[in-house]
N, C-alpha and C. Protein backbone atom coordinates (compact mmCIF):
# COMPACT_ATOMS: atom_id res chain seq x y z
N MET A 1 56.30 -138.87 22.90
CA MET A 1 55.08 -139.47 23.34
C MET A 1 53.98 -138.43 23.21
N THR A 2 52.90 -138.85 22.61
CA THR A 2 51.77 -137.97 22.40
C THR A 2 50.72 -138.24 23.46
N VAL A 3 50.22 -137.16 24.02
CA VAL A 3 49.17 -137.31 25.01
C VAL A 3 47.84 -137.06 24.31
N VAL A 4 46.99 -138.03 24.40
CA VAL A 4 45.68 -137.90 23.79
C VAL A 4 44.70 -137.45 24.88
N GLU A 5 44.12 -136.31 24.62
CA GLU A 5 43.16 -135.81 25.59
C GLU A 5 41.77 -136.21 25.12
N THR A 6 41.04 -136.81 25.97
CA THR A 6 39.68 -137.19 25.60
C THR A 6 38.71 -136.22 26.26
N ASP A 7 37.78 -135.78 25.46
CA ASP A 7 36.74 -134.91 25.99
C ASP A 7 35.75 -135.76 26.76
N ARG A 8 35.39 -135.25 27.86
CA ARG A 8 34.39 -135.97 28.64
C ARG A 8 33.01 -135.53 28.14
N ILE A 9 32.23 -136.48 27.71
CA ILE A 9 30.90 -136.19 27.19
C ILE A 9 29.89 -136.70 28.20
N GLU A 10 29.05 -135.79 28.63
CA GLU A 10 27.98 -136.18 29.54
C GLU A 10 26.89 -136.84 28.71
N MET A 11 26.55 -138.03 29.05
CA MET A 11 25.53 -138.76 28.33
C MET A 11 24.17 -138.48 28.97
N ALA A 12 23.23 -138.21 28.12
CA ALA A 12 21.87 -138.03 28.59
C ALA A 12 21.30 -139.37 29.02
N ASP A 13 20.34 -139.34 29.85
CA ASP A 13 19.67 -140.56 30.27
C ASP A 13 19.12 -141.24 29.02
N SER A 14 19.57 -142.44 28.76
CA SER A 14 19.18 -143.13 27.54
C SER A 14 17.95 -144.01 27.74
N SER A 15 17.26 -143.79 28.82
CA SER A 15 16.06 -144.58 29.11
C SER A 15 15.00 -144.35 28.04
N ASP A 16 14.30 -145.39 27.67
CA ASP A 16 13.21 -145.29 26.71
C ASP A 16 11.90 -144.91 27.37
N GLU A 17 11.92 -144.73 28.66
CA GLU A 17 10.69 -144.43 29.40
C GLU A 17 10.20 -143.03 29.07
N ARG A 18 9.04 -142.98 28.43
CA ARG A 18 8.44 -141.69 28.11
C ARG A 18 7.64 -141.22 29.32
N THR A 19 7.53 -139.92 29.45
CA THR A 19 6.68 -139.35 30.48
C THR A 19 5.64 -138.48 29.80
N LEU A 20 4.53 -138.26 30.49
CA LEU A 20 3.50 -137.39 29.94
C LEU A 20 4.05 -135.99 29.68
N ASP A 21 4.83 -135.47 30.62
CA ASP A 21 5.39 -134.13 30.43
C ASP A 21 6.23 -134.07 29.16
N MET A 22 7.07 -135.06 28.96
CA MET A 22 7.92 -135.11 27.77
C MET A 22 7.07 -135.15 26.50
N MET A 23 6.05 -135.98 26.50
CA MET A 23 5.22 -136.12 25.30
C MET A 23 4.46 -134.82 25.00
N PHE A 24 3.93 -134.18 26.04
CA PHE A 24 3.22 -132.91 25.81
C PHE A 24 4.19 -131.83 25.32
N GLU A 25 5.42 -131.83 25.83
CA GLU A 25 6.42 -130.86 25.36
C GLU A 25 6.70 -131.03 23.88
N TRP A 26 6.74 -132.26 23.40
CA TRP A 26 6.98 -132.52 21.98
C TRP A 26 5.90 -131.87 21.12
N LEU A 27 4.71 -131.75 21.66
CA LEU A 27 3.56 -131.29 20.88
C LEU A 27 3.33 -129.79 20.95
N GLU A 28 4.14 -129.08 21.71
CA GLU A 28 3.94 -127.64 21.85
C GLU A 28 4.67 -126.89 20.75
N PRO A 29 4.11 -125.83 20.24
CA PRO A 29 2.77 -125.35 20.55
C PRO A 29 1.72 -126.12 19.75
N THR A 30 0.57 -126.31 20.36
CA THR A 30 -0.55 -126.97 19.69
C THR A 30 -1.20 -125.97 18.76
N PRO A 31 -1.51 -126.36 17.54
CA PRO A 31 -2.16 -125.43 16.61
C PRO A 31 -3.49 -124.93 17.18
N GLU A 32 -3.78 -123.66 16.97
CA GLU A 32 -5.03 -123.08 17.47
C GLU A 32 -6.22 -123.83 16.89
N GLY A 33 -7.21 -124.05 17.74
CA GLY A 33 -8.43 -124.73 17.31
C GLY A 33 -8.34 -126.24 17.42
N PHE A 34 -7.22 -126.75 17.96
CA PHE A 34 -7.05 -128.19 18.12
C PHE A 34 -6.92 -128.54 19.59
N LYS A 35 -7.34 -129.74 19.91
CA LYS A 35 -7.24 -130.28 21.26
C LYS A 35 -6.29 -131.47 21.20
N VAL A 36 -5.39 -131.57 22.19
CA VAL A 36 -4.45 -132.69 22.24
C VAL A 36 -4.65 -133.45 23.54
N GLU A 37 -4.72 -134.78 23.42
CA GLU A 37 -4.80 -135.65 24.58
C GLU A 37 -3.86 -136.83 24.36
N ILE A 38 -3.43 -137.39 25.47
CA ILE A 38 -2.65 -138.62 25.41
C ILE A 38 -3.43 -139.67 26.19
N VAL A 39 -3.83 -140.72 25.49
CA VAL A 39 -4.65 -141.78 26.08
C VAL A 39 -3.87 -143.08 25.95
N GLU A 40 -3.49 -143.63 27.10
CA GLU A 40 -2.70 -144.86 27.15
C GLU A 40 -1.45 -144.76 26.27
N GLY A 41 -0.81 -143.60 26.29
CA GLY A 41 0.44 -143.39 25.56
C GLY A 41 0.26 -143.04 24.10
N ASN A 42 -0.96 -143.01 23.59
CA ASN A 42 -1.22 -142.64 22.19
C ASN A 42 -1.67 -141.18 22.14
N ILE A 43 -1.14 -140.45 21.16
CA ILE A 43 -1.43 -139.03 21.01
C ILE A 43 -2.61 -138.84 20.07
N TYR A 44 -3.57 -138.02 20.53
CA TYR A 44 -4.74 -137.71 19.71
C TYR A 44 -4.86 -136.19 19.60
N MET A 45 -4.95 -135.71 18.37
CA MET A 45 -5.13 -134.30 18.11
C MET A 45 -6.37 -134.16 17.25
N SER A 46 -7.33 -133.38 17.73
CA SER A 46 -8.57 -133.25 16.96
C SER A 46 -9.00 -131.79 16.92
N PRO A 47 -9.59 -131.39 15.79
CA PRO A 47 -10.06 -130.01 15.66
C PRO A 47 -11.37 -129.81 16.43
N GLN A 48 -11.55 -128.60 16.91
CA GLN A 48 -12.80 -128.26 17.59
C GLN A 48 -13.88 -128.00 16.55
N ARG A 49 -15.06 -128.60 16.73
CA ARG A 49 -16.18 -128.42 15.81
C ARG A 49 -17.25 -127.56 16.47
N ASP A 50 -18.06 -126.88 15.65
CA ASP A 50 -19.13 -126.03 16.18
C ASP A 50 -20.08 -126.81 17.07
N THR A 51 -20.59 -127.95 16.60
CA THR A 51 -21.55 -128.73 17.37
C THR A 51 -20.93 -129.15 18.71
N HIS A 52 -19.72 -129.62 18.64
CA HIS A 52 -18.98 -130.05 19.82
C HIS A 52 -18.92 -128.91 20.84
N TRP A 53 -18.50 -127.74 20.39
CA TRP A 53 -18.35 -126.60 21.28
C TRP A 53 -19.70 -126.14 21.83
N GLU A 54 -20.75 -126.15 21.03
CA GLU A 54 -22.07 -125.72 21.50
C GLU A 54 -22.57 -126.60 22.64
N VAL A 55 -22.36 -127.90 22.54
CA VAL A 55 -22.77 -128.81 23.62
C VAL A 55 -21.94 -128.53 24.87
N ILE A 56 -20.63 -128.40 24.71
CA ILE A 56 -19.75 -128.11 25.85
C ILE A 56 -20.21 -126.83 26.55
N PHE A 57 -20.43 -125.79 25.77
CA PHE A 57 -20.81 -124.50 26.32
C PHE A 57 -22.16 -124.59 27.03
N ASP A 58 -23.09 -125.32 26.46
CA ASP A 58 -24.41 -125.52 27.07
C ASP A 58 -24.27 -126.20 28.44
N ILE A 59 -23.46 -127.24 28.51
CA ILE A 59 -23.24 -127.95 29.78
C ILE A 59 -22.60 -127.02 30.80
N VAL A 60 -21.57 -126.28 30.39
CA VAL A 60 -20.90 -125.36 31.31
C VAL A 60 -21.87 -124.31 31.83
N GLU A 61 -22.68 -123.74 30.95
CA GLU A 61 -23.65 -122.74 31.38
C GLU A 61 -24.62 -123.31 32.42
N GLN A 62 -25.07 -124.53 32.22
CA GLN A 62 -25.99 -125.14 33.17
C GLN A 62 -25.31 -125.47 34.50
N LEU A 63 -24.06 -125.90 34.44
CA LEU A 63 -23.32 -126.21 35.66
C LEU A 63 -23.03 -124.97 36.50
N ARG A 64 -23.07 -123.80 35.88
CA ARG A 64 -22.80 -122.54 36.59
C ARG A 64 -23.84 -122.29 37.69
N ALA A 65 -24.99 -122.94 37.65
CA ALA A 65 -25.98 -122.80 38.71
C ALA A 65 -25.46 -123.39 40.03
N ARG A 66 -24.49 -124.28 39.93
CA ARG A 66 -23.94 -124.96 41.11
C ARG A 66 -22.46 -124.70 41.34
N TYR A 67 -21.71 -124.48 40.26
CA TYR A 67 -20.26 -124.34 40.34
C TYR A 67 -19.82 -122.94 39.92
N PRO A 68 -18.94 -122.31 40.70
CA PRO A 68 -18.36 -121.04 40.23
C PRO A 68 -17.46 -121.30 39.03
N ARG A 69 -17.30 -120.31 38.21
CA ARG A 69 -16.52 -120.43 36.98
C ARG A 69 -15.13 -121.02 37.22
N GLN A 70 -14.48 -120.66 38.34
CA GLN A 70 -13.12 -121.13 38.62
C GLN A 70 -13.05 -122.64 38.85
N ARG A 71 -14.18 -123.28 39.12
CA ARG A 71 -14.19 -124.72 39.37
C ARG A 71 -14.64 -125.52 38.15
N LEU A 72 -14.89 -124.83 37.04
CA LEU A 72 -15.26 -125.50 35.79
C LEU A 72 -14.11 -125.37 34.80
N LYS A 73 -13.73 -126.49 34.21
CA LYS A 73 -12.60 -126.51 33.28
C LYS A 73 -13.03 -127.19 31.98
N SER A 74 -12.39 -126.77 30.89
CA SER A 74 -12.61 -127.38 29.59
C SER A 74 -11.29 -127.42 28.86
N ASP A 75 -10.94 -128.59 28.33
CA ASP A 75 -9.70 -128.77 27.57
C ASP A 75 -8.45 -128.41 28.37
N VAL A 76 -8.48 -128.65 29.69
CA VAL A 76 -7.34 -128.42 30.56
C VAL A 76 -6.74 -129.77 30.91
N ARG A 77 -5.43 -129.91 30.76
CA ARG A 77 -4.78 -131.19 31.02
C ARG A 77 -4.90 -131.58 32.49
N ILE A 78 -5.36 -132.82 32.68
CA ILE A 78 -5.38 -133.46 33.99
C ILE A 78 -4.85 -134.88 33.77
N ASP A 79 -3.89 -135.28 34.59
CA ASP A 79 -3.32 -136.62 34.47
C ASP A 79 -4.15 -137.61 35.28
N PHE A 80 -4.40 -138.77 34.68
CA PHE A 80 -5.25 -139.79 35.29
C PHE A 80 -4.46 -141.08 35.49
N PRO A 81 -4.96 -141.95 36.38
CA PRO A 81 -4.28 -143.23 36.61
C PRO A 81 -4.19 -144.05 35.32
N GLY A 82 -3.22 -144.94 35.31
CA GLY A 82 -2.99 -145.77 34.13
C GLY A 82 -1.72 -145.32 33.45
N ARG A 83 -1.36 -146.00 32.41
CA ARG A 83 -0.12 -145.72 31.69
C ARG A 83 -0.31 -144.54 30.74
N LEU A 84 0.39 -143.44 31.02
CA LEU A 84 0.44 -142.26 30.14
C LEU A 84 -0.96 -141.77 29.75
N ASN A 85 -1.74 -141.35 30.75
CA ASN A 85 -3.07 -140.80 30.53
C ASN A 85 -3.11 -139.33 30.90
N GLY A 86 -3.00 -138.46 29.93
CA GLY A 86 -3.12 -137.02 30.13
C GLY A 86 -4.30 -136.53 29.32
N PHE A 87 -5.44 -136.32 29.96
CA PHE A 87 -6.66 -135.98 29.24
C PHE A 87 -6.92 -134.48 29.32
N ALA A 88 -7.56 -133.97 28.28
CA ALA A 88 -8.07 -132.60 28.25
C ALA A 88 -9.58 -132.74 28.09
N SER A 89 -10.24 -133.12 29.15
CA SER A 89 -11.67 -133.43 29.13
C SER A 89 -12.48 -132.24 28.64
N ASP A 90 -13.61 -132.54 27.99
CA ASP A 90 -14.45 -131.46 27.46
C ASP A 90 -15.01 -130.57 28.56
N VAL A 91 -15.52 -131.18 29.63
CA VAL A 91 -16.02 -130.41 30.78
C VAL A 91 -15.63 -131.15 32.05
N VAL A 92 -15.09 -130.40 33.00
CA VAL A 92 -14.75 -130.94 34.32
C VAL A 92 -15.30 -129.98 35.37
N ALA A 93 -15.95 -130.53 36.39
CA ALA A 93 -16.36 -129.74 37.55
C ALA A 93 -15.56 -130.23 38.75
N LEU A 94 -14.91 -129.29 39.42
CA LEU A 94 -14.02 -129.62 40.54
C LEU A 94 -14.70 -129.38 41.88
N ALA A 95 -14.29 -130.14 42.88
CA ALA A 95 -14.80 -129.98 44.24
C ALA A 95 -14.42 -128.61 44.79
N GLU A 96 -15.16 -128.18 45.79
CA GLU A 96 -14.95 -126.86 46.39
C GLU A 96 -13.53 -126.69 46.93
N ASP A 97 -12.97 -127.74 47.49
CA ASP A 97 -11.63 -127.66 48.08
C ASP A 97 -10.54 -128.18 47.14
N ALA A 98 -10.79 -128.16 45.85
CA ALA A 98 -9.82 -128.66 44.85
C ALA A 98 -8.50 -127.90 44.96
N THR A 99 -7.41 -128.64 44.82
CA THR A 99 -6.08 -128.03 44.84
C THR A 99 -5.26 -128.57 43.68
N LYS A 100 -4.28 -127.79 43.29
CA LYS A 100 -3.37 -128.23 42.23
C LYS A 100 -2.24 -129.06 42.83
N ASP A 101 -1.64 -129.92 41.99
CA ASP A 101 -0.53 -130.74 42.44
C ASP A 101 0.77 -129.94 42.41
N SER A 102 1.88 -130.60 42.69
CA SER A 102 3.17 -129.93 42.75
C SER A 102 3.62 -129.38 41.40
N LYS A 103 3.02 -129.86 40.31
CA LYS A 103 3.36 -129.36 38.97
C LYS A 103 2.40 -128.27 38.51
N GLY A 104 1.46 -127.89 39.37
CA GLY A 104 0.52 -126.83 39.03
C GLY A 104 -0.67 -127.30 38.21
N ARG A 105 -0.96 -128.61 38.26
CA ARG A 105 -2.09 -129.16 37.52
C ARG A 105 -3.19 -129.58 38.48
N TRP A 106 -4.43 -129.51 37.99
CA TRP A 106 -5.55 -129.97 38.80
C TRP A 106 -5.44 -131.47 39.00
N ARG A 107 -5.87 -131.94 40.15
CA ARG A 107 -5.77 -133.35 40.52
C ARG A 107 -7.07 -134.08 40.18
N TYR A 108 -6.94 -135.29 39.65
CA TYR A 108 -8.13 -136.08 39.31
C TYR A 108 -8.94 -136.42 40.56
N GLN A 109 -8.30 -136.46 41.71
CA GLN A 109 -9.00 -136.79 42.95
C GLN A 109 -10.05 -135.74 43.32
N ASP A 110 -9.95 -134.55 42.76
CA ASP A 110 -10.86 -133.45 43.08
C ASP A 110 -12.00 -133.30 42.08
N ILE A 111 -12.13 -134.21 41.14
CA ILE A 111 -13.16 -134.10 40.11
C ILE A 111 -14.48 -134.68 40.61
N GLU A 112 -15.55 -133.91 40.43
CA GLU A 112 -16.90 -134.39 40.79
C GLU A 112 -17.71 -134.79 39.56
N PHE A 113 -17.33 -134.27 38.39
CA PHE A 113 -18.13 -134.46 37.18
C PHE A 113 -17.23 -134.32 35.96
N VAL A 114 -17.42 -135.20 34.98
CA VAL A 114 -16.76 -135.08 33.68
C VAL A 114 -17.81 -135.31 32.60
N ALA A 115 -17.74 -134.50 31.54
CA ALA A 115 -18.55 -134.75 30.35
C ALA A 115 -17.63 -134.78 29.15
N GLU A 116 -17.86 -135.73 28.28
CA GLU A 116 -17.16 -135.82 27.00
C GLU A 116 -18.20 -135.78 25.90
N VAL A 117 -17.94 -134.95 24.89
CA VAL A 117 -18.81 -134.87 23.71
C VAL A 117 -18.10 -135.64 22.61
N ILE A 118 -18.79 -136.61 22.05
CA ILE A 118 -18.19 -137.53 21.09
C ILE A 118 -17.74 -136.82 19.81
N SER A 119 -16.53 -137.18 19.38
CA SER A 119 -16.02 -136.86 18.05
C SER A 119 -15.83 -138.19 17.35
N LYS A 120 -16.12 -138.24 16.07
CA LYS A 120 -16.05 -139.53 15.36
C LYS A 120 -14.70 -140.21 15.50
N ASP A 121 -13.62 -139.44 15.37
CA ASP A 121 -12.29 -140.04 15.35
C ASP A 121 -11.81 -140.52 16.72
N THR A 122 -12.37 -139.97 17.80
CA THR A 122 -11.90 -140.35 19.14
C THR A 122 -12.99 -140.95 20.01
N ALA A 123 -14.12 -141.30 19.43
CA ALA A 123 -15.24 -141.86 20.19
C ALA A 123 -14.84 -143.12 20.96
N ALA A 124 -14.03 -143.95 20.37
CA ALA A 124 -13.62 -145.19 21.04
C ALA A 124 -12.91 -144.90 22.36
N ASN A 125 -12.17 -143.79 22.44
CA ASN A 125 -11.52 -143.42 23.70
C ASN A 125 -12.55 -143.07 24.76
N ASP A 126 -13.54 -142.24 24.39
CA ASP A 126 -14.55 -141.79 25.36
C ASP A 126 -15.38 -142.94 25.89
N TYR A 127 -15.72 -143.89 25.02
CA TYR A 127 -16.51 -145.06 25.43
C TYR A 127 -15.66 -146.16 26.04
N GLY A 128 -14.33 -146.11 25.83
CA GLY A 128 -13.45 -147.20 26.26
C GLY A 128 -12.41 -146.79 27.29
N ALA A 129 -11.20 -146.47 26.80
CA ALA A 129 -10.07 -146.23 27.70
C ALA A 129 -10.29 -145.07 28.66
N LYS A 130 -10.89 -143.99 28.18
CA LYS A 130 -11.11 -142.84 29.07
C LYS A 130 -12.18 -143.17 30.11
N LYS A 131 -13.23 -143.86 29.71
CA LYS A 131 -14.26 -144.26 30.67
C LYS A 131 -13.65 -145.13 31.76
N ALA A 132 -12.80 -146.07 31.38
CA ALA A 132 -12.14 -146.94 32.36
C ALA A 132 -11.22 -146.14 33.28
N ALA A 133 -10.50 -145.18 32.72
CA ALA A 133 -9.61 -144.34 33.54
C ALA A 133 -10.41 -143.47 34.51
N TYR A 134 -11.52 -142.91 34.04
CA TYR A 134 -12.36 -142.10 34.93
C TYR A 134 -12.91 -142.95 36.07
N ALA A 135 -13.35 -144.17 35.77
CA ALA A 135 -13.85 -145.06 36.82
C ALA A 135 -12.75 -145.42 37.80
N THR A 136 -11.57 -145.77 37.28
CA THR A 136 -10.42 -146.10 38.14
C THR A 136 -10.08 -144.92 39.04
N ALA A 137 -10.19 -143.70 38.51
CA ALA A 137 -9.88 -142.49 39.27
C ALA A 137 -10.98 -142.16 40.28
N GLY A 138 -12.11 -142.85 40.20
CA GLY A 138 -13.20 -142.61 41.13
C GLY A 138 -14.02 -141.38 40.80
N VAL A 139 -14.01 -140.95 39.53
CA VAL A 139 -14.84 -139.81 39.12
C VAL A 139 -16.30 -140.22 39.31
N PRO A 140 -17.04 -139.54 40.19
CA PRO A 140 -18.37 -140.02 40.55
C PRO A 140 -19.42 -139.91 39.45
N VAL A 141 -19.29 -138.92 38.55
CA VAL A 141 -20.28 -138.72 37.50
C VAL A 141 -19.55 -138.51 36.17
N TYR A 142 -19.84 -139.37 35.20
CA TYR A 142 -19.27 -139.25 33.86
C TYR A 142 -20.41 -139.30 32.86
N VAL A 143 -20.51 -138.24 32.05
CA VAL A 143 -21.56 -138.15 31.03
C VAL A 143 -20.91 -138.12 29.65
N ILE A 144 -21.40 -138.99 28.78
CA ILE A 144 -20.99 -138.98 27.37
C ILE A 144 -22.16 -138.43 26.57
N VAL A 145 -21.90 -137.41 25.77
CA VAL A 145 -22.93 -136.84 24.91
C VAL A 145 -22.56 -137.18 23.47
N ASP A 146 -23.48 -137.81 22.75
CA ASP A 146 -23.21 -138.26 21.39
C ASP A 146 -24.11 -137.53 20.40
N PRO A 147 -23.61 -136.46 19.76
CA PRO A 147 -24.43 -135.70 18.83
C PRO A 147 -24.73 -136.45 17.53
N TYR A 148 -24.05 -137.55 17.26
CA TYR A 148 -24.30 -138.33 16.05
C TYR A 148 -25.54 -139.20 16.21
N THR A 149 -25.74 -139.73 17.43
CA THR A 149 -26.91 -140.57 17.68
C THR A 149 -28.02 -139.81 18.42
N GLY A 150 -27.70 -138.61 18.91
CA GLY A 150 -28.68 -137.83 19.66
C GLY A 150 -28.99 -138.45 21.01
N THR A 151 -27.97 -139.07 21.62
CA THR A 151 -28.15 -139.72 22.92
C THR A 151 -27.11 -139.24 23.91
N TRP A 152 -27.44 -139.42 25.19
CA TRP A 152 -26.47 -139.18 26.26
C TRP A 152 -26.42 -140.42 27.14
N HIS A 153 -25.27 -140.58 27.81
CA HIS A 153 -25.02 -141.77 28.62
C HIS A 153 -24.47 -141.32 29.97
N LEU A 154 -25.21 -141.57 31.02
CA LEU A 154 -24.81 -141.19 32.37
C LEU A 154 -24.18 -142.40 33.06
N HIS A 155 -22.94 -142.21 33.53
CA HIS A 155 -22.22 -143.27 34.24
C HIS A 155 -21.97 -142.82 35.68
N THR A 156 -22.41 -143.65 36.63
CA THR A 156 -22.19 -143.36 38.05
C THR A 156 -21.77 -144.65 38.76
N LEU A 157 -21.46 -144.53 40.02
CA LEU A 157 -21.03 -145.64 40.87
C LEU A 157 -19.77 -146.32 40.32
N PRO A 158 -18.65 -145.59 40.27
CA PRO A 158 -17.41 -146.20 39.78
C PRO A 158 -16.88 -147.25 40.75
N LYS A 159 -16.41 -148.34 40.19
CA LYS A 159 -15.77 -149.39 40.98
C LYS A 159 -14.71 -150.03 40.09
N ASP A 160 -13.47 -150.05 40.59
CA ASP A 160 -12.34 -150.53 39.81
C ASP A 160 -12.27 -149.75 38.51
N ASP A 161 -12.35 -150.42 37.36
CA ASP A 161 -12.21 -149.70 36.09
C ASP A 161 -13.52 -149.64 35.30
N GLU A 162 -14.66 -149.69 36.03
CA GLU A 162 -15.94 -149.60 35.33
C GLU A 162 -16.96 -148.87 36.19
N TYR A 163 -18.03 -148.45 35.54
CA TYR A 163 -19.14 -147.82 36.23
C TYR A 163 -20.25 -148.86 36.39
N ARG A 164 -20.80 -148.96 37.60
CA ARG A 164 -21.81 -149.96 37.90
C ARG A 164 -23.20 -149.52 37.48
N SER A 165 -23.40 -148.21 37.29
CA SER A 165 -24.71 -147.72 36.87
C SER A 165 -24.56 -146.93 35.58
N VAL A 166 -25.34 -147.29 34.58
CA VAL A 166 -25.32 -146.61 33.29
C VAL A 166 -26.76 -146.37 32.85
N LEU A 167 -27.05 -145.14 32.45
CA LEU A 167 -28.37 -144.81 31.93
C LEU A 167 -28.16 -144.08 30.61
N SER A 168 -28.81 -144.55 29.56
CA SER A 168 -28.69 -143.95 28.22
C SER A 168 -30.07 -143.54 27.73
N LEU A 169 -30.21 -142.26 27.37
CA LEU A 169 -31.48 -141.76 26.87
C LEU A 169 -31.24 -140.75 25.74
N ASP A 170 -32.32 -140.33 25.10
CA ASP A 170 -32.24 -139.42 23.95
C ASP A 170 -32.15 -137.97 24.37
N PHE A 171 -31.58 -137.14 23.46
CA PHE A 171 -31.62 -135.70 23.65
C PHE A 171 -33.08 -135.30 23.84
N GLY A 172 -33.30 -134.34 24.71
CA GLY A 172 -34.64 -133.91 25.05
C GLY A 172 -35.06 -134.43 26.42
N THR A 173 -34.45 -135.55 26.83
CA THR A 173 -34.69 -136.09 28.17
C THR A 173 -33.63 -135.50 29.10
N PRO A 174 -34.05 -134.86 30.20
CA PRO A 174 -33.07 -134.26 31.11
C PRO A 174 -32.17 -135.32 31.76
N ILE A 175 -30.94 -134.90 32.10
CA ILE A 175 -30.00 -135.76 32.83
C ILE A 175 -30.15 -135.38 34.30
N ASP A 176 -30.80 -136.25 35.05
CA ASP A 176 -31.06 -135.98 36.46
C ASP A 176 -29.84 -136.33 37.30
N LEU A 177 -29.17 -135.29 37.80
CA LEU A 177 -27.98 -135.48 38.62
C LEU A 177 -28.25 -135.05 40.07
N THR A 178 -29.52 -134.92 40.43
CA THR A 178 -29.87 -134.43 41.76
C THR A 178 -29.45 -135.38 42.88
N ALA A 179 -29.32 -136.65 42.59
CA ALA A 179 -28.91 -137.63 43.60
C ALA A 179 -27.39 -137.82 43.64
N THR A 180 -26.65 -137.00 42.88
CA THR A 180 -25.18 -137.09 42.83
C THR A 180 -24.59 -135.85 43.50
N LEU A 181 -23.28 -135.78 43.58
CA LEU A 181 -22.59 -134.60 44.10
C LEU A 181 -22.93 -133.34 43.31
N VAL A 182 -23.26 -133.49 42.04
CA VAL A 182 -23.55 -132.35 41.18
C VAL A 182 -24.83 -131.65 41.64
N GLY A 183 -25.85 -132.40 42.00
CA GLY A 183 -27.04 -131.85 42.61
C GLY A 183 -27.92 -130.99 41.74
N LEU A 184 -27.95 -131.23 40.45
CA LEU A 184 -28.84 -130.49 39.56
C LEU A 184 -29.23 -131.35 38.37
N THR A 185 -30.10 -130.80 37.52
CA THR A 185 -30.54 -131.50 36.32
C THR A 185 -30.05 -130.75 35.10
N LEU A 186 -29.47 -131.47 34.14
CA LEU A 186 -29.01 -130.88 32.89
C LEU A 186 -30.09 -131.06 31.82
N GLU A 187 -30.54 -129.99 31.24
CA GLU A 187 -31.49 -130.04 30.14
C GLU A 187 -30.73 -130.37 28.85
N THR A 188 -31.26 -131.27 28.04
CA THR A 188 -30.55 -131.70 26.83
C THR A 188 -31.32 -131.36 25.55
N GLY A 189 -32.48 -130.74 25.68
CA GLY A 189 -33.30 -130.42 24.51
C GLY A 189 -32.62 -129.48 23.54
N GLY A 190 -31.71 -128.65 24.02
CA GLY A 190 -31.01 -127.70 23.16
C GLY A 190 -29.71 -128.24 22.59
N PHE A 191 -29.33 -129.46 22.92
CA PHE A 191 -28.09 -130.02 22.38
C PHE A 191 -28.25 -130.22 20.86
N PRO A 192 -27.33 -129.66 20.07
CA PRO A 192 -27.41 -129.84 18.62
C PRO A 192 -26.94 -131.24 18.22
N ARG A 193 -27.38 -131.67 17.04
CA ARG A 193 -26.96 -132.96 16.49
C ARG A 193 -26.03 -132.74 15.32
N ASP A 194 -25.17 -133.70 15.09
CA ASP A 194 -24.27 -133.69 13.93
C ASP A 194 -24.78 -134.65 12.88
């Protein structure tokens, strides 16, 4: 009589459920000069452009009048409500008492301001799914800067998945945030156009 020995094989969890952590791990390391975001489970990788960076840097410099450097973030992953939303927002300003979550990431609940600078390939996200996620998360101030049209769009008063107040004006017109948590005015005359 022959004894057949069977090896016990531990089966990995065969669930098809993806997680943001899993998806970001698949993408590491990200090539230098590229930004990666996951919006509603879709992966977006885009190169950093000069115009894009100049606008981001200009906004960060102006926000420094109100926010210490440690409370300003750019291209740092923050997870947002909704299905598989891991954004690396262009500019984020965090509340004074902001804390990281158990995974060591900044919490969307601590965001006072977000700015996104439009890129042609991902503009639909900034005007659509990301705007809805920011509103759902209760981000009080969301600014979209569009160097292609030379306009900016200020979104305030989030309710559910939309902003109740929207103001759109041309570069050169200041963005008055004095009545918001941000409490200052952003000059836009120096924003470059693409």
